[in-house]
Structures are given as structure tokens and as C-alpha cells.
């Protein structure tokens, strides 16, 4: 599918990881290096998932199919190019993520 929404970066290596997780809101676009089972509850709240790493059998791909939400994996640089608060369009059919504002 294709959705538009606000980015929320979640970094497992950031010292503010717990704050980032606590601030995640229903309907935001989860952008992370790679999803892990510890944040499955965020995936359920997410409008879409975008990851730097992964492929069609990655955790993000599987969880997005289960929750029926768009997902783009293997971008290699989404966490570097996007920032929390950016408004983007995620098009899973094309495998693209585009900043709107």
C-alpha cells in the first residue's frame, strides 16, 4: 500500500532509546535500522515501517504483512536522511519513501 504520515526514528543504540519508544504515537511511520521483537508493540501502532536493513524475510517484512501495513526495507540510509517529524509518503509497491514537507 501507500500511506503518508509523520516519521518517528527509533534507534536501538541511542541513549534516548526508551524516550523514543515512549513517545511513539499511533499512526506514525516507524523508521529504524532494523526492527526487533522488542518493538513489535510499536509495529502494531505504526502506519508504515521503513528500515535501513532487511529483505523479504526480515522481521519488519513479516510483521508488516501480519499487521497489513506498508513496509520498505533495505533502504541503507533512511535513518540518516529522515528525521523525527518529517512528513513522508511510503509506497510499498514501488519500494519508495519520499519526503512531502
PDB file of N, CA and C in Angstrom:
ATOM      1  N   UNK A   1       0.805  -1.185   0.000  1.00  0.00           N
ATOM      2  CA  UNK A   1       0.000   0.000   0.000  1.00  0.00           C
ATOM      3  C   UNK A   1       0.852   1.254   0.000  1.00  0.00           C
ATOM      4  N   UNK A   2       0.170   2.361   0.038  1.00  0.00           N
ATOM      5  CA  UNK A   2       0.817   3.676   0.062  1.00  0.00           C
ATOM      6  C   UNK A   2       0.156   4.500   1.146  1.00  0.00           C
ATOM      7  N   UNK A   3       0.977   5.124   1.996  1.00  0.00           N
ATOM      8  CA  UNK A   3       0.469   5.969   3.080  1.00  0.00           C
ATOM      9  C   UNK A   3       1.334   7.210   3.207  1.00  0.00           C
ATOM     10  N   UNK A   4       0.771   8.217   3.851  1.00  0.00           N
ATOM     11  CA  UNK A   4       1.509   9.423   4.196  1.00  0.00           C
ATOM     12  C   UNK A   4       1.406   9.625   5.693  1.00  0.00           C
ATOM     13  N   UNK A   5       2.509  10.036   6.301  1.00  0.00           N
ATOM     14  CA  UNK A   5       2.479  10.254   7.738  1.00  0.00           C
ATOM     15  C   UNK A   5       3.767  10.852   8.246  1.00  0.00           C
ATOM     16  N   UNK A   6       3.832  10.982   9.565  1.00  0.00           N
ATOM     17  CA  UNK A   6       4.958  11.601  10.249  1.00  0.00           C
ATOM     18  C   UNK A   6       5.949  10.541  10.710  1.00  0.00           C
ATOM     19  N   UNK A   7       7.212  10.807  10.475  1.00  0.00           N
ATOM     20  CA  UNK A   7       8.295   9.891  10.825  1.00  0.00           C
ATOM     21  C   UNK A   7       8.593   9.940  12.316  1.00  0.00           C
ATOM     22  N   UNK A   8       8.872   8.760  12.861  1.00  0.00           N
ATOM     23  CA  UNK A   8       9.435   8.660  14.216  1.00  0.00           C
ATOM     24  C   UNK A   8      10.635   7.712  14.120  1.00  0.00           C
ATOM     25  N   UNK A   9      11.834   8.254  14.349  1.00  0.00           N
ATOM     26  CA  UNK A   9      13.054   7.445  14.317  1.00  0.00           C
ATOM     27  C   UNK A   9      13.203   6.729  15.656  1.00  0.00           C
ATOM     28  N   UNK A  10      13.457   5.429  15.602  1.00  0.00           N
ATOM     29  CA  UNK A  10      13.754   4.639  16.793  1.00  0.00           C
ATOM     30  C   UNK A  10      15.121   3.995  16.575  1.00  0.00           C
ATOM     31  N   UNK A  11      16.072   4.312  17.454  1.00  0.00           N
ATOM     32  CA  UNK A  11      17.426   3.779  17.345  1.00  0.00           C
ATOM     33  C   UNK A  11      17.749   2.945  18.579  1.00  0.00           C
ATOM     34  N   UNK A  12      18.093   1.688  18.364  1.00  0.00           N
ATOM     35  CA  UNK A  12      18.439   0.808  19.477  1.00  0.00           C
ATOM     36  C   UNK A  12      19.743   1.206  20.148  1.00  0.00           C
ATOM     37  N   UNK A  13      20.594   1.932  19.447  1.00  0.00           N
ATOM     38  CA  UNK A  13      21.894   2.308  20.004  1.00  0.00           C
ATOM     39  C   UNK A  13      21.904   3.705  20.612  1.00  0.00           C
ATOM     40  N   UNK A  14      20.818   4.434  20.469  1.00  0.00           N
ATOM     41  CA  UNK A  14      20.730   5.789  21.021  1.00  0.00           C
ATOM     42  C   UNK A  14      20.492   5.714  22.523  1.00  0.00           C
ATOM     43  N   UNK A  15      21.159   6.575  23.253  1.00  0.00           N
ATOM     44  CA  UNK A  15      20.963   6.601  24.706  1.00  0.00           C
ATOM     45  C   UNK A  15      19.544   7.033  25.074  1.00  0.00           C
ATOM     46  N   UNK A  16      18.831   7.656  24.144  1.00  0.00           N
ATOM     47  CA  UNK A  16      17.448   8.090  24.380  1.00  0.00           C
ATOM     48  C   UNK A  16      16.432   7.061  23.866  1.00  0.00           C
ATOM     49  N   UNK A  17      16.865   5.824  23.656  1.00  0.00           N
ATOM     50  CA  UNK A  17      16.011   4.774  23.102  1.00  0.00           C
ATOM     51  C   UNK A  17      14.675   4.657  23.846  1.00  0.00           C
ATOM     52  N   UNK A  18      14.711   4.591  25.172  1.00  0.00           N
ATOM     53  CA  UNK A  18      13.481   4.411  25.951  1.00  0.00           C
ATOM     54  C   UNK A  18      12.542   5.613  25.806  1.00  0.00           C
ATOM     55  N   UNK A  19      13.109   6.811  25.712  1.00  0.00           N
ATOM     56  CA  UNK A  19      12.290   8.004  25.488  1.00  0.00           C
ATOM     57  C   UNK A  19      11.648   7.969  24.101  1.00  0.00           C
ATOM     58  N   UNK A  20      12.421   7.551  23.096  1.00  0.00           N
ATOM     59  CA  UNK A  20      11.900   7.455  21.725  1.00  0.00           C
ATOM     60  C   UNK A  20      10.723   6.483  21.667  1.00  0.00           C
ATOM     61  N   UNK A  21      10.873   5.339  22.316  1.00  0.00           N
ATOM     62  CA  UNK A  21       9.815   4.327  22.331  1.00  0.00           C
ATOM     63  C   UNK A  21       8.584   4.874  23.049  1.00  0.00           C
ATOM     64  N   UNK A  22       8.787   5.540  24.177  1.00  0.00           N
ATOM     65  CA  UNK A  22       7.669   6.081  24.959  1.00  0.00           C
ATOM     66  C   UNK A  22       6.912   7.163  24.192  1.00  0.00           C
ATOM     67  N   UNK A  23       7.599   7.901  23.316  1.00  0.00           N
ATOM     68  CA  UNK A  23       6.976   8.995  22.575  1.00  0.00           C
ATOM     69  C   UNK A  23       6.278   8.546  21.295  1.00  0.00           C
ATOM     70  N   UNK A  24       6.455   7.291  20.904  1.00  0.00           N
ATOM     71  CA  UNK A  24       5.865   6.802  19.656  1.00  0.00           C
ATOM     72  C   UNK A  24       4.338   6.843  19.752  1.00  0.00           C
ATOM     73  N   UNK A  25       3.713   7.455  18.742  1.00  0.00           N
ATOM     74  CA  UNK A  25       2.252   7.618  18.731  1.00  0.00           C
ATOM     75  C   UNK A  25       1.608   6.748  17.651  1.00  0.00           C
ATOM     76  N   UNK A  26       0.392   6.330  17.918  1.00  0.00           N
ATOM     77  CA  UNK A  26      -0.402   5.584  16.948  1.00  0.00           C
ATOM     78  C   UNK A  26      -0.442   6.350  15.625  1.00  0.00           C
ATOM     79  N   UNK A  27      -0.163   5.661  14.513  1.00  0.00           N
ATOM     80  CA  UNK A  27      -0.254   6.277  13.200  1.00  0.00           C
ATOM     81  C   UNK A  27       1.015   6.942  12.702  1.00  0.00           C
ATOM     82  N   UNK A  28       2.107   6.863  13.469  1.00  0.00           N
ATOM     83  CA  UNK A  28       3.371   7.403  12.979  1.00  0.00           C
ATOM     84  C   UNK A  28       4.055   6.356  12.098  1.00  0.00           C
ATOM     85  N   UNK A  29       5.021   6.812  11.318  1.00  0.00           N
ATOM     86  CA  UNK A  29       5.794   5.908  10.472  1.00  0.00           C
ATOM     87  C   UNK A  29       7.076   5.557  11.213  1.00  0.00           C
ATOM     88  N   UNK A  30       7.231   4.279  11.514  1.00  0.00           N
ATOM     89  CA  UNK A  30       8.391   3.785  12.237  1.00  0.00           C
ATOM     90  C   UNK A  30       9.576   3.671  11.288  1.00  0.00           C
ATOM     91  N   UNK A  31      10.642   4.405  11.597  1.00  0.00           N
ATOM     92  CA  UNK A  31      11.876   4.347  10.818  1.00  0.00           C
ATOM     93  C   UNK A  31      12.989   3.917  11.771  1.00  0.00           C
ATOM     94  N   UNK A  32      13.671   2.821  11.412  1.00  0.00           N
ATOM     95  CA  UNK A  32      14.699   2.260  12.279  1.00  0.00           C
ATOM     96  C   UNK A  32      15.729   1.510  11.446  1.00  0.00           C
ATOM     97  N   UNK A  33      16.861   1.205  12.074  1.00  0.00           N
ATOM     98  CA  UNK A  33      17.870   0.422  11.376  1.00  0.00           C
ATOM     99  C   UNK A  33      17.337  -0.944  10.992  1.00  0.00           C
ATOM    100  N   UNK A  34      16.718  -1.600  11.967  1.00  0.00           N
ATOM    101  CA  UNK A  34      16.114  -2.906  11.756  1.00  0.00           C
ATOM    102  C   UNK A  34      15.142  -3.149  12.911  1.00  0.00           C
ATOM    103  N   UNK A  35      13.980  -3.713  12.631  1.00  0.00           N
ATOM    104  CA  UNK A  35      13.045  -3.997  13.714  1.00  0.00           C
ATOM    105  C   UNK A  35      13.512  -5.226  14.476  1.00  0.00           C
ATOM    106  N   UNK A  36      13.038  -5.321  15.697  1.00  0.00           N
ATOM    107  CA  UNK A  36      13.341  -6.448  16.573  1.00  0.00           C
ATOM    108  C   UNK A  36      12.079  -6.791  17.346  1.00  0.00           C
ATOM    109  N   UNK A  37      11.991  -8.003  17.856  1.00  0.00           N
ATOM    110  CA  UNK A  37      10.794  -8.384  18.624  1.00  0.00           C
ATOM    111  C   UNK A  37      10.475  -7.447  19.782  1.00  0.00           C
ATOM    112  N   UNK A  38      11.498  -6.789  20.367  1.00  0.00           N
ATOM    113  CA  UNK A  38      11.262  -5.882  21.493  1.00  0.00           C
ATOM    114  C   UNK A  38      10.363  -4.703  21.130  1.00  0.00           C
ATOM    115  N   UNK A  39      10.296  -4.352  19.852  1.00  0.00           N
ATOM    116  CA  UNK A  39       9.446  -3.214  19.474  1.00  0.00           C
ATOM    117  C   UNK A  39       8.246  -3.647  18.628  1.00  0.00           C
ATOM    118  N   UNK A  40       7.861  -4.897  18.730  1.00  0.00           N
ATOM    119  CA  UNK A  40       6.685  -5.370  17.985  1.00  0.00           C
ATOM    120  C   UNK A  40       5.442  -4.561  18.350  1.00  0.00           C
ATOM    121  N   UNK A  41       5.347  -4.121  19.609  1.00  0.00           N
ATOM    122  CA  UNK A  41       4.195  -3.314  20.015  1.00  0.00           C
ATOM    123  C   UNK A  41       4.158  -1.974  19.278  1.00  0.00           C
ATOM    124  N   UNK A  42       5.323  -1.442  18.889  1.00  0.00           N
ATOM    125  CA  UNK A  42       5.347  -0.214  18.100  1.00  0.00           C
ATOM    126  C   UNK A  42       4.922  -0.491  16.663  1.00  0.00           C
ATOM    127  N   UNK A  43       5.333  -1.631  16.142  1.00  0.00           N
ATOM    128  CA  UNK A  43       4.968  -2.005  14.775  1.00  0.00           C
ATOM    129  C   UNK A  43       3.454  -2.074  14.640  1.00  0.00           C
ATOM    130  N   UNK A  44       2.791  -2.538  15.686  1.00  0.00           N
ATOM    131  CA  UNK A  44       1.329  -2.638  15.666  1.00  0.00           C
ATOM    132  C   UNK A  44       0.676  -1.256  15.618  1.00  0.00           C
ATOM    133  N   UNK A  45       1.324  -0.252  16.194  1.00  0.00           N
ATOM    134  CA  UNK A  45       0.804   1.116  16.209  1.00  0.00           C
ATOM    135  C   UNK A  45       1.178   1.899  14.955  1.00  0.00           C
ATOM    136  N   UNK A  46       2.191   1.410  14.224  1.00  0.00           N
ATOM    137  CA  UNK A  46       2.758   2.160  13.103  1.00  0.00           C
ATOM    138  C   UNK A  46       1.848   2.178  11.879  1.00  0.00           C
ATOM    139  N   UNK A  47       1.869   3.289  11.162  1.00  0.00           N
ATOM    140  CA  UNK A  47       1.161   3.417   9.889  1.00  0.00           C
ATOM    141  C   UNK A  47       1.940   2.703   8.795  1.00  0.00           C
ATOM    142  N   UNK A  48       3.277   2.691   8.924  1.00  0.00           N
ATOM    143  CA  UNK A  48       4.173   2.001   7.991  1.00  0.00           C
ATOM    144  C   UNK A  48       5.496   1.784   8.699  1.00  0.00           C
ATOM    145  N   UNK A  49       6.320   0.901   8.118  1.00  0.00           N
ATOM    146  CA  UNK A  49       7.644   0.616   8.658  1.00  0.00           C
ATOM    147  C   UNK A  49       8.680   0.837   7.554  1.00  0.00           C
ATOM    148  N   UNK A  50       9.771   1.515   7.902  1.00  0.00           N
ATOM    149  CA  UNK A  50      10.884   1.735   6.977  1.00  0.00           C
ATOM    150  C   UNK A  50      12.158   1.362   7.728  1.00  0.00           C
ATOM    151  N   UNK A  51      12.993   0.516   7.112  1.00  0.00           N
ATOM    152  CA  UNK A  51      14.237   0.114   7.763  1.00  0.00           C
ATOM    153  C   UNK A  51      15.448   0.298   6.849  1.00  0.00           C
ATOM    154  N   UNK A  52      16.600   0.464   7.475  1.00  0.00           N
ATOM    155  CA  UNK A  52      17.858   0.538   6.728  1.00  0.00           C
ATOM    156  C   UNK A  52      18.264  -0.835   6.208  1.00  0.00           C
ATOM    157  N   UNK A  53      18.036  -1.863   7.018  1.00  0.00           N
ATOM    158  CA  UNK A  53      18.463  -3.217   6.689  1.00  0.00           C
ATOM    159  C   UNK A  53      17.251  -4.119   6.486  1.00  0.00           C
ATOM    160  N   UNK A  54      17.515  -5.294   5.919  1.00  0.00           N
ATOM    161  CA  UNK A  54      16.469  -6.296   5.810  1.00  0.00           C
ATOM    162  C   UNK A  54      16.092  -6.623   4.388  1.00  0.00           C
ATOM    163  N   UNK A  55      15.335  -7.693   4.255  1.00  0.00           N
ATOM    164  CA  UNK A  55      14.856  -8.174   2.969  1.00  0.00           C
ATOM    165  C   UNK A  55      13.454  -8.740   3.131  1.00  0.00           C
ATOM    166  N   UNK A  56      13.007  -9.535   2.173  1.00  0.00           N
ATOM    167  CA  UNK A  56      11.627 -10.010   2.204  1.00  0.00           C
ATOM    168  C   UNK A  56      11.337 -10.986   3.340  1.00  0.00           C
ATOM    169  N   UNK A  57      12.377 -11.567   3.936  1.00  0.00           N
ATOM    170  CA  UNK A  57      12.153 -12.474   5.075  1.00  0.00           C
ATOM    171  C   UNK A  57      12.582 -11.848   6.401  1.00  0.00           C
ATOM    172  N   UNK A  58      12.836 -10.554   6.412  1.00  0.00           N
ATOM    173  CA  UNK A  58      13.253  -9.875   7.648  1.00  0.00           C
ATOM    174  C   UNK A  58      12.070  -9.723   8.604  1.00  0.00           C
ATOM    175  N   UNK A  59      12.391  -9.430   9.849  1.00  0.00           N
ATOM    176  CA  UNK A  59      11.367  -9.231  10.877  1.00  0.00           C
ATOM    177  C   UNK A  59      10.368  -8.153  10.451  1.00  0.00           C
ATOM    178  N   UNK A  60      10.866  -7.031   9.927  1.00  0.00           N
ATOM    179  CA  UNK A  60       9.977  -5.939   9.509  1.00  0.00           C
ATOM    180  C   UNK A  60       9.017  -6.385   8.412  1.00  0.00           C
ATOM    181  N   UNK A  61       9.513  -7.138   7.448  1.00  0.00           N
ATOM    182  CA  UNK A  61       8.660  -7.615   6.353  1.00  0.00           C
ATOM    183  C   UNK A  61       7.568  -8.550   6.869  1.00  0.00           C
ATOM    184  N   UNK A  62       7.960  -9.457   7.725  1.00  0.00           N
ATOM    185  CA  UNK A  62       6.997 -10.429   8.261  1.00  0.00           C
ATOM    186  C   UNK A  62       5.951  -9.738   9.119  1.00  0.00           C
ATOM    187  N   UNK A  63       6.400  -8.868  10.017  1.00  0.00           N
ATOM    188  CA  UNK A  63       5.468  -8.197  10.922  1.00  0.00           C
ATOM    189  C   UNK A  63       4.531  -7.265  10.159  1.00  0.00           C
ATOM    190  N   UNK A  64       5.025  -6.608   9.112  1.00  0.00           N
ATOM    191  CA  UNK A  64       4.161  -5.710   8.341  1.00  0.00           C
ATOM    192  C   UNK A  64       3.097  -6.489   7.571  1.00  0.00           C
ATOM    193  N   UNK A  65       3.451  -7.658   7.077  1.00  0.00           N
ATOM    194  CA  UNK A  65       2.430  -8.496   6.420  1.00  0.00           C
ATOM    195  C   UNK A  65       1.385  -8.942   7.425  1.00  0.00           C
ATOM    196  N   UNK A  66       1.832  -9.298   8.636  1.00  0.00           N
ATOM    197  CA  UNK A  66       0.906  -9.743   9.670  1.00  0.00           C
ATOM    198  C   UNK A  66      -0.049  -8.626  10.088  1.00  0.00           C
ATOM    199  N   UNK A  67       0.477  -7.399  10.199  1.00  0.00           N
ATOM    200  CA  UNK A  67      -0.342  -6.263  10.618  1.00  0.00           C
ATOM    201  C   UNK A  67      -0.978  -5.533   9.433  1.00  0.00           C
ATOM    202  N   UNK A  68      -0.683  -5.982   8.215  1.00  0.00           N
ATOM    203  CA  UNK A  68      -1.248  -5.396   6.996  1.00  0.00           C
ATOM    204  C   UNK A  68      -0.933  -3.906   6.871  1.00  0.00           C
ATOM    205  N   UNK A  69       0.358  -3.578   7.038  1.00  0.00           N
ATOM    206  CA  UNK A  69       0.799  -2.196   6.878  1.00  0.00           C
ATOM    207  C   UNK A  69       1.938  -2.143   5.861  1.00  0.00           C
ATOM    208  N   UNK A  70       2.076  -1.029   5.146  1.00  0.00           N
ATOM    209  CA  UNK A  70       3.161  -0.890   4.171  1.00  0.00           C
ATOM    210  C   UNK A  70       4.538  -0.948   4.840  1.00  0.00           C
ATOM    211  N   UNK A  71       5.510  -1.473   4.104  1.00  0.00           N
ATOM    212  CA  UNK A  71       6.854  -1.618   4.628  1.00  0.00           C
ATOM    213  C   UNK A  71       7.860  -1.486   3.490  1.00  0.00           C
ATOM    214  N   UNK A  72       8.917  -0.720   3.736  1.00  0.00           N
ATOM    215  CA  UNK A  72      10.041  -0.625   2.801  1.00  0.00           C
ATOM    216  C   UNK A  72      11.284  -0.965   3.611  1.00  0.00           C
ATOM    217  N   UNK A  73      11.986  -2.032   3.217  1.00  0.00           N
ATOM    218  CA  UNK A  73      13.181  -2.481   3.939  1.00  0.00           C
ATOM    219  C   UNK A  73      14.410  -2.360   3.058  1.00  0.00           C
ATOM    220  N   UNK A  74      15.566  -2.375   3.690  1.00  0.00           N
ATOM    221  CA  UNK A  74      16.824  -2.357   2.946  1.00  0.00           C
ATOM    222  C   UNK A  74      17.154  -1.034   2.286  1.00  0.00           C
ATOM    223  N   UNK A  75      16.709   0.081   2.872  1.00  0.00           N
ATOM    224  CA  UNK A  75      16.988   1.390   2.265  1.00  0.00           C
ATOM    225  C   UNK A  75      18.452   1.781   2.408  1.00  0.00           C
ATOM    226  N   UNK A  76      19.120   1.248   3.368  1.00  0.00           N
ATOM    227  CA  UNK A  76      20.516   1.501   3.732  1.00  0.00           C
ATOM    228  C   UNK A  76      20.767   2.890   4.332  1.00  0.00           C
ATOM    229  N   UNK A  77      19.853   3.839   4.158  1.00  0.00           N
ATOM    230  CA  UNK A  77      20.132   5.188   4.672  1.00  0.00           C
ATOM    231  C   UNK A  77      18.914   5.961   5.180  1.00  0.00           C
ATOM    232  N   UNK A  78      17.793   5.315   5.392  1.00  0.00           N
ATOM    233  CA  UNK A  78      16.591   6.041   5.839  1.00  0.00           C
ATOM    234  C   UNK A  78      16.811   6.757   7.169  1.00  0.00           C
ATOM    235  N   UNK A  79      17.514   6.119   8.103  1.00  0.00           N
ATOM    236  CA  UNK A  79      17.730   6.755   9.404  1.00  0.00           C
ATOM    237  C   UNK A  79      18.712   7.923   9.323  1.00  0.00           C
ATOM    238  N   UNK A  80      19.458   8.005   8.243  1.00  0.00           N
ATOM    239  CA  UNK A  80      20.387   9.128   8.056  1.00  0.00           C
ATOM    240  C   UNK A  80      19.721  10.293   7.318  1.00  0.00           C
ATOM    241  N   UNK A  81      18.813   9.980   6.389  1.00  0.00           N
ATOM    242  CA  UNK A  81      18.182  11.017   5.567  1.00  0.00           C
ATOM    243  C   UNK A  81      16.906  11.590   6.184  1.00  0.00           C
ATOM    244  N   UNK A  82      16.217  10.787   6.986  1.00  0.00           N
ATOM    245  CA  UNK A  82      14.956  11.229   7.581  1.00  0.00           C
ATOM    246  C   UNK A  82      15.162  11.627   9.035  1.00  0.00           C
ATOM    247  N   UNK A  83      14.288  12.472   9.531  1.00  0.00           N
ATOM    248  CA  UNK A  83      14.311  12.920  10.917  1.00  0.00           C
ATOM    249  C   UNK A  83      12.918  12.778  11.507  1.00  0.00           C
ATOM    250  N   UNK A  84      12.867  12.578  12.818  1.00  0.00           N
ATOM    251  CA  UNK A  84      11.581  12.549  13.509  1.00  0.00           C
ATOM    252  C   UNK A  84      10.851  13.849  13.209  1.00  0.00           C
ATOM    253  N   UNK A  85       9.594  13.720  12.815  1.00  0.00           N
ATOM    254  CA  UNK A  85       8.774  14.884  12.480  1.00  0.00           C
ATOM    255  C   UNK A  85       8.637  15.129  10.992  1.00  0.00           C
ATOM    256  N   UNK A  86       9.512  14.538  10.173  1.00  0.00           N
ATOM    257  CA  UNK A  86       9.371  14.678   8.716  1.00  0.00           C
ATOM    258  C   UNK A  86       8.046  14.062   8.272  1.00  0.00           C
ATOM    259  N   UNK A  87       7.411  14.682   7.283  1.00  0.00           N
ATOM    260  CA  UNK A  87       6.181  14.147   6.702  1.00  0.00           C
ATOM    261  C   UNK A  87       6.569  13.459   5.398  1.00  0.00           C
ATOM    262  N   UNK A  88       6.256  12.161   5.286  1.00  0.00           N
ATOM    263  CA  UNK A  88       6.697  11.380   4.135  1.00  0.00           C
ATOM    264  C   UNK A  88       5.567  10.548   3.546  1.00  0.00           C
ATOM    265  N   UNK A  89       5.819  10.090   2.327  1.00  0.00           N
ATOM    266  CA  UNK A  89       4.941   9.118   1.686  1.00  0.00           C
ATOM    267  C   UNK A  89       5.733   7.824   1.547  1.00  0.00           C
ATOM    268  N   UNK A  90       5.156   6.730   2.031  1.00  0.00           N
ATOM    269  CA  UNK A  90       5.753   5.406   1.902  1.00  0.00           C
ATOM    270  C   UNK A  90       4.915   4.636   0.897  1.00  0.00           C
ATOM    271  N   UNK A  91       5.532   4.206  -0.189  1.00  0.00           N
ATOM    272  CA  UNK A  91       4.859   3.419  -1.226  1.00  0.00           C
ATOM    273  C   UNK A  91       5.522   2.050  -1.280  1.00  0.00           C
ATOM    274  N   UNK A  92       4.898   1.075  -0.633  1.00  0.00           N
ATOM    275  CA  UNK A  92       5.481  -0.265  -0.551  1.00  0.00           C
ATOM    276  C   UNK A  92       5.498  -0.959  -1.913  1.00  0.00           C
ATOM    277  N   UNK A  93       4.546  -0.656  -2.761  1.00  0.00           N
ATOM    278  CA  UNK A  93       4.503  -1.284  -4.090  1.00  0.00           C
ATOM    279  C   UNK A  93       5.716  -0.876  -4.925  1.00  0.00           C
ATOM    280  N   UNK A  94       6.131   0.376  -4.796  1.00  0.00           N
ATOM    281  CA  UNK A  94       7.294   0.871  -5.530  1.00  0.00           C
ATOM    282  C   UNK A  94       8.595   0.743  -4.727  1.00  0.00           C
ATOM    283  N   UNK A  95       8.467   0.494  -3.423  1.00  0.00           N
ATOM    284  CA  UNK A  95       9.645   0.434  -2.573  1.00  0.00           C
ATOM    285  C   UNK A  95      10.275   1.795  -2.377  1.00  0.00           C
ATOM    286  N   UNK A  96       9.423   2.827  -2.288  1.00  0.00           N
ATOM    287  CA  UNK A  96       9.959   4.192  -2.189  1.00  0.00           C
ATOM    288  C   UNK A  96       9.474   4.909  -0.928  1.00  0.00           C
ATOM    289  N   UNK A  97      10.304   5.828  -0.473  1.00  0.00           N
ATOM    290  CA  UNK A  97       9.971   6.720   0.631  1.00  0.00           C
ATOM    291  C   UNK A  97      10.331   8.116   0.149  1.00  0.00           C
ATOM    292  N   UNK A  98       9.344   9.018   0.233  1.00  0.00           N
ATOM    293  CA  UNK A  98       9.544  10.362  -0.328  1.00  0.00           C
ATOM    294  C   UNK A  98       9.104  11.404   0.692  1.00  0.00           C
ATOM    295  N   UNK A  99       9.991  12.389   0.949  1.00  0.00           N
ATOM    296  CA  UNK A  99       9.624  13.492   1.843  1.00  0.00           C
ATOM    297  C   UNK A  99       8.589  14.355   1.158  1.00  0.00           C
ATOM    298  N   UNK A 100       7.537  14.703   1.901  1.00  0.00           N
ATOM    299  CA  UNK A 100       6.495  15.583   1.381  1.00  0.00           C
ATOM    300  C   UNK A 100       6.785  17.013   1.844  1.00  0.00           C
ATOM    301  N   UNK A 101       7.081  17.183   3.130  1.00  0.00           N
ATOM    302  CA  UNK A 101       7.390  18.514   3.696  1.00  0.00           C
ATOM    303  C   UNK A 101       8.737  18.454   4.364  1.00  0.00           C
TER     304      UNK A 101
END
